Every structure is written in C-alpha cells, then in structure tokens.
C-alpha cells in the first residue's frame, strides 16, 4: 500500500514557500486555485485529498512522487488462505424471535 509522507511534504512545501518569499496570502494571490486553509493543512502535515495534494505540488513546483512511500504489501497465496484459522460456529445467546 502506498501513502504520502505528509511530514516530509509539509517540510518541503514550507521550505518552498520560504524560498519564494510567499506567505499563505501571497501564495493564494499567485496561485488562485489554492486557498489558505489548504496551504495550512499541507504545511502542518495534515491529510489532503489526492486532487488537492497534486494541485499543491503542481503550483509549488514539487514532484509528488518524491513524497510517495511504498510499503511492502503482504502477499497472499492460496496456501496461506487455506491455512487460516477458522472460528467454530457457536449458538447465539439471544433467542430468535419470529417477526
């Protein structure tokens, strides 16, 4: 499964804004597709939608793949699935009522 390294992205975006001399207000003025709340969430390492993440990367000139963390995914085989423990069926505690 892949995730965005939000803290690394936040640090890079903050550094980019500082490099350009942009406050949130100036960034929104220069990049009208963004808003202050979105920039604040991004710079504080909070989650953004995929579309907003890509938009911020595009506007700031950052490579979105630079912040992509690929974790090893568990590989399931037919053998591993067949060897799983199955819980035995038990009777219910509550009586079934006829509705």
N, C-alpha and C. Protein backbone atom coordinates (compact mmCIF):
# COMPACT_ATOMS: atom_id res chain seq x y z
N UNK A 1 0.84 -1.17 0.00
CA UNK A 1 0.00 0.00 0.00
C UNK A 1 0.89 1.24 0.00
N UNK A 2 0.47 2.26 -0.67
CA UNK A 2 1.26 3.50 -0.78
C UNK A 2 0.61 4.60 0.06
N UNK A 3 1.43 5.42 0.64
CA UNK A 3 0.99 6.56 1.45
C UNK A 3 1.83 7.77 1.10
N UNK A 4 1.33 8.94 1.42
CA UNK A 4 2.09 10.17 1.25
C UNK A 4 2.80 10.46 2.57
N UNK A 5 4.08 10.72 2.50
CA UNK A 5 4.83 11.12 3.70
C UNK A 5 4.52 12.58 3.97
N UNK A 6 3.47 12.78 4.76
CA UNK A 6 2.94 14.13 4.96
C UNK A 6 3.91 15.06 5.66
N UNK A 7 4.67 14.56 6.62
CA UNK A 7 5.62 15.42 7.34
C UNK A 7 6.73 15.89 6.40
N UNK A 8 7.22 15.00 5.56
CA UNK A 8 8.25 15.36 4.59
C UNK A 8 7.69 16.35 3.56
N UNK A 9 6.46 16.12 3.12
CA UNK A 9 5.81 17.03 2.19
C UNK A 9 5.62 18.40 2.83
N UNK A 10 5.18 18.41 4.09
CA UNK A 10 4.96 19.68 4.80
C UNK A 10 6.26 20.47 4.89
N UNK A 11 7.34 19.79 5.23
CA UNK A 11 8.64 20.48 5.35
C UNK A 11 9.09 21.03 4.00
N UNK A 12 8.91 20.25 2.93
CA UNK A 12 9.32 20.69 1.60
C UNK A 12 8.47 21.87 1.13
N UNK A 13 7.17 21.82 1.38
CA UNK A 13 6.29 22.92 0.97
C UNK A 13 6.61 24.19 1.75
N UNK A 14 6.82 24.05 3.04
CA UNK A 14 7.18 25.20 3.87
C UNK A 14 8.48 25.82 3.38
N UNK A 15 9.46 24.97 3.07
CA UNK A 15 10.75 25.46 2.57
C UNK A 15 10.56 26.16 1.22
N UNK A 16 9.69 25.61 0.36
CA UNK A 16 9.46 26.20 -0.95
C UNK A 16 8.79 27.58 -0.82
N UNK A 17 7.81 27.68 0.07
CA UNK A 17 7.15 28.97 0.29
C UNK A 17 8.16 30.00 0.84
N UNK A 18 9.00 29.54 1.75
CA UNK A 18 10.02 30.43 2.32
C UNK A 18 11.01 30.86 1.23
N UNK A 19 11.41 29.92 0.38
CA UNK A 19 12.34 30.21 -0.71
C UNK A 19 11.76 31.27 -1.66
N UNK A 20 10.46 31.16 -1.94
CA UNK A 20 9.80 32.12 -2.83
C UNK A 20 9.44 33.43 -2.12
N UNK A 21 9.53 33.42 -0.79
CA UNK A 21 9.15 34.60 -0.01
C UNK A 21 7.64 34.78 0.05
N UNK A 22 6.89 33.66 -0.02
CA UNK A 22 5.44 33.71 -0.03
C UNK A 22 4.87 33.42 1.35
N UNK A 23 3.96 34.27 1.78
CA UNK A 23 3.11 33.94 2.92
C UNK A 23 1.94 33.15 2.34
N UNK A 24 1.03 32.66 3.18
CA UNK A 24 -0.14 31.97 2.65
C UNK A 24 -0.95 32.92 1.76
N UNK A 25 -1.09 34.14 2.21
CA UNK A 25 -1.85 35.12 1.44
C UNK A 25 -1.23 35.38 0.07
N UNK A 26 0.08 35.57 0.03
CA UNK A 26 0.77 35.81 -1.23
C UNK A 26 0.67 34.58 -2.14
N UNK A 27 0.81 33.38 -1.55
CA UNK A 27 0.71 32.14 -2.33
C UNK A 27 -0.66 32.02 -2.97
N UNK A 28 -1.71 32.33 -2.23
CA UNK A 28 -3.08 32.26 -2.76
C UNK A 28 -3.27 33.31 -3.86
N UNK A 29 -2.65 34.46 -3.68
CA UNK A 29 -2.72 35.51 -4.70
C UNK A 29 -2.04 35.05 -5.99
N UNK A 30 -0.90 34.40 -5.85
CA UNK A 30 -0.14 33.94 -7.01
C UNK A 30 -0.72 32.65 -7.61
N UNK A 31 -1.31 31.82 -6.77
CA UNK A 31 -1.88 30.54 -7.19
C UNK A 31 -3.37 30.53 -6.80
N UNK A 32 -4.23 31.15 -7.56
CA UNK A 32 -5.65 31.30 -7.18
C UNK A 32 -6.41 29.98 -7.01
N UNK A 33 -5.89 28.89 -7.53
CA UNK A 33 -6.58 27.60 -7.38
C UNK A 33 -6.47 27.08 -5.94
N UNK A 34 -5.55 27.64 -5.15
CA UNK A 34 -5.35 27.22 -3.77
C UNK A 34 -6.06 28.17 -2.82
N UNK A 35 -6.20 27.74 -1.58
CA UNK A 35 -6.72 28.64 -0.55
C UNK A 35 -5.88 28.49 0.71
N UNK A 36 -6.02 29.43 1.63
CA UNK A 36 -5.19 29.45 2.84
C UNK A 36 -5.37 28.19 3.68
N UNK A 37 -6.59 27.73 3.81
CA UNK A 37 -6.85 26.54 4.63
C UNK A 37 -6.12 25.32 4.07
N UNK A 38 -6.15 25.18 2.75
CA UNK A 38 -5.48 24.05 2.11
C UNK A 38 -3.96 24.13 2.35
N UNK A 39 -3.41 25.32 2.19
CA UNK A 39 -1.97 25.50 2.41
C UNK A 39 -1.61 25.24 3.87
N UNK A 40 -2.46 25.70 4.76
CA UNK A 40 -2.21 25.48 6.19
C UNK A 40 -2.21 23.99 6.52
N UNK A 41 -3.21 23.27 6.00
CA UNK A 41 -3.26 21.82 6.24
C UNK A 41 -2.02 21.14 5.67
N UNK A 42 -1.62 21.53 4.46
CA UNK A 42 -0.46 20.91 3.82
C UNK A 42 0.82 21.21 4.60
N UNK A 43 0.99 22.46 5.03
CA UNK A 43 2.22 22.85 5.75
C UNK A 43 2.27 22.29 7.17
N UNK A 44 1.13 21.87 7.69
CA UNK A 44 1.10 21.28 9.03
C UNK A 44 1.04 19.76 9.01
N UNK A 45 1.22 19.18 7.83
CA UNK A 45 1.29 17.72 7.72
C UNK A 45 -0.04 17.03 7.86
N UNK A 46 -1.13 17.75 7.62
CA UNK A 46 -2.45 17.14 7.70
C UNK A 46 -2.81 16.52 6.36
N UNK A 47 -3.80 15.66 6.38
CA UNK A 47 -4.18 14.94 5.17
C UNK A 47 -4.92 15.85 4.18
N UNK A 48 -4.57 15.71 2.91
CA UNK A 48 -5.25 16.40 1.82
C UNK A 48 -5.85 15.35 0.90
N UNK A 49 -6.87 15.74 0.15
CA UNK A 49 -7.38 14.81 -0.85
C UNK A 49 -6.30 14.63 -1.92
N UNK A 50 -6.41 13.58 -2.68
CA UNK A 50 -5.41 13.30 -3.72
C UNK A 50 -5.35 14.45 -4.72
N UNK A 51 -6.50 14.96 -5.11
CA UNK A 51 -6.55 16.06 -6.06
C UNK A 51 -5.88 17.32 -5.53
N UNK A 52 -6.17 17.66 -4.27
CA UNK A 52 -5.57 18.85 -3.67
C UNK A 52 -4.07 18.67 -3.48
N UNK A 53 -3.65 17.47 -3.12
CA UNK A 53 -2.22 17.18 -2.97
C UNK A 53 -1.50 17.43 -4.29
N UNK A 54 -2.05 16.89 -5.38
CA UNK A 54 -1.43 17.08 -6.69
C UNK A 54 -1.45 18.54 -7.11
N UNK A 55 -2.53 19.24 -6.81
CA UNK A 55 -2.63 20.66 -7.15
C UNK A 55 -1.58 21.48 -6.42
N UNK A 56 -1.42 21.24 -5.12
CA UNK A 56 -0.41 21.97 -4.34
C UNK A 56 0.98 21.67 -4.90
N UNK A 57 1.25 20.41 -5.19
CA UNK A 57 2.55 20.05 -5.75
C UNK A 57 2.79 20.77 -7.07
N UNK A 58 1.79 20.79 -7.93
CA UNK A 58 1.93 21.46 -9.23
C UNK A 58 2.21 22.95 -9.06
N UNK A 59 1.42 23.61 -8.22
CA UNK A 59 1.58 25.05 -8.03
C UNK A 59 2.94 25.40 -7.42
N UNK A 60 3.39 24.58 -6.48
CA UNK A 60 4.65 24.86 -5.78
C UNK A 60 5.87 24.33 -6.54
N UNK A 61 5.62 23.59 -7.61
CA UNK A 61 6.75 23.04 -8.38
C UNK A 61 7.44 21.88 -7.68
N UNK A 62 6.67 21.11 -6.92
CA UNK A 62 7.22 19.95 -6.20
C UNK A 62 6.84 18.67 -6.93
N UNK A 63 7.71 17.68 -6.89
CA UNK A 63 7.46 16.39 -7.51
C UNK A 63 6.62 15.55 -6.54
N UNK A 64 5.36 15.22 -6.88
CA UNK A 64 4.51 14.48 -5.95
C UNK A 64 5.03 13.08 -5.64
N UNK A 65 5.79 12.49 -6.55
CA UNK A 65 6.31 11.14 -6.32
C UNK A 65 7.45 11.14 -5.30
N UNK A 66 8.04 12.28 -5.07
CA UNK A 66 9.12 12.39 -4.09
C UNK A 66 8.63 12.04 -2.67
N UNK A 67 7.35 12.24 -2.43
CA UNK A 67 6.79 12.04 -1.09
C UNK A 67 5.97 10.76 -0.98
N UNK A 68 6.01 9.93 -2.02
CA UNK A 68 5.26 8.68 -2.03
C UNK A 68 6.05 7.59 -1.33
N UNK A 69 5.46 7.03 -0.30
CA UNK A 69 6.10 5.96 0.46
C UNK A 69 5.41 4.66 0.10
N UNK A 70 6.18 3.74 -0.45
CA UNK A 70 5.63 2.44 -0.83
C UNK A 70 6.02 1.42 0.23
N UNK A 71 5.03 0.89 0.90
CA UNK A 71 5.30 -0.14 1.90
C UNK A 71 5.14 -1.50 1.25
N UNK A 72 5.91 -2.43 1.76
CA UNK A 72 5.77 -3.79 1.23
C UNK A 72 4.38 -4.29 1.56
N UNK A 73 3.74 -4.83 0.56
CA UNK A 73 2.40 -5.35 0.73
C UNK A 73 2.48 -6.85 1.01
N UNK A 74 1.67 -7.30 1.94
CA UNK A 74 1.62 -8.72 2.25
C UNK A 74 1.09 -9.47 1.04
N UNK A 75 1.79 -10.51 0.68
CA UNK A 75 1.37 -11.31 -0.47
C UNK A 75 0.60 -12.52 0.03
N UNK A 76 -0.60 -12.68 -0.48
CA UNK A 76 -1.43 -13.82 -0.09
C UNK A 76 -1.40 -14.87 -1.19
N UNK A 77 -1.23 -16.11 -0.75
CA UNK A 77 -1.28 -17.23 -1.69
C UNK A 77 -2.46 -18.10 -1.30
N UNK A 78 -2.84 -18.99 -2.18
CA UNK A 78 -3.94 -19.90 -1.88
C UNK A 78 -3.61 -20.74 -0.64
N UNK A 79 -2.34 -21.14 -0.51
CA UNK A 79 -1.93 -21.94 0.65
C UNK A 79 -2.10 -21.15 1.94
N UNK A 80 -1.70 -19.88 1.95
CA UNK A 80 -1.82 -19.08 3.18
C UNK A 80 -3.28 -18.85 3.54
N UNK A 81 -4.13 -18.74 2.53
CA UNK A 81 -5.56 -18.54 2.79
C UNK A 81 -6.17 -19.82 3.35
N UNK A 82 -5.80 -20.98 2.80
CA UNK A 82 -6.35 -22.25 3.27
C UNK A 82 -5.86 -22.60 4.68
N UNK A 83 -4.70 -22.08 5.08
CA UNK A 83 -4.14 -22.39 6.39
C UNK A 83 -4.63 -21.44 7.49
N UNK A 84 -5.53 -20.52 7.16
CA UNK A 84 -6.04 -19.59 8.18
C UNK A 84 -6.91 -20.31 9.17
N UNK A 85 -6.86 -19.86 10.40
CA UNK A 85 -7.70 -20.43 11.44
C UNK A 85 -9.13 -19.94 11.25
N UNK A 86 -10.06 -20.86 11.41
CA UNK A 86 -11.46 -20.53 11.27
C UNK A 86 -12.13 -20.70 12.62
N UNK A 87 -12.91 -19.72 13.01
CA UNK A 87 -13.62 -19.80 14.28
C UNK A 87 -14.79 -20.77 14.14
N UNK A 88 -14.92 -21.65 15.13
CA UNK A 88 -16.01 -22.62 15.11
C UNK A 88 -17.34 -21.91 15.32
N UNK A 89 -18.39 -22.42 14.67
CA UNK A 89 -19.72 -21.84 14.84
C UNK A 89 -20.24 -22.09 16.24
N UNK A 90 -20.88 -21.13 16.81
CA UNK A 90 -21.48 -21.25 18.15
C UNK A 90 -22.91 -20.78 18.09
N UNK A 91 -23.69 -21.26 19.07
CA UNK A 91 -25.10 -20.84 19.11
C UNK A 91 -25.20 -19.43 19.66
N UNK A 92 -26.24 -18.73 19.26
CA UNK A 92 -26.45 -17.37 19.73
C UNK A 92 -26.97 -17.37 21.16
N UNK A 93 -26.63 -16.28 21.88
CA UNK A 93 -27.13 -16.16 23.24
C UNK A 93 -28.59 -15.71 23.24
N UNK A 94 -28.94 -14.82 22.35
CA UNK A 94 -30.30 -14.31 22.30
C UNK A 94 -31.18 -15.26 21.50
N UNK A 95 -32.41 -15.41 21.96
CA UNK A 95 -33.33 -16.24 21.20
C UNK A 95 -33.81 -15.50 19.99
N UNK A 96 -34.03 -16.21 18.97
CA UNK A 96 -34.55 -15.59 17.76
C UNK A 96 -36.05 -15.44 17.93
N UNK A 97 -36.54 -14.27 17.59
CA UNK A 97 -37.98 -14.04 17.70
C UNK A 97 -38.57 -14.09 16.30
N UNK A 98 -39.77 -14.55 16.20
CA UNK A 98 -40.44 -14.62 14.91
C UNK A 98 -41.03 -13.27 14.55
N UNK A 99 -40.54 -12.64 13.54
CA UNK A 99 -41.06 -11.33 13.11
C UNK A 99 -41.75 -11.47 11.80
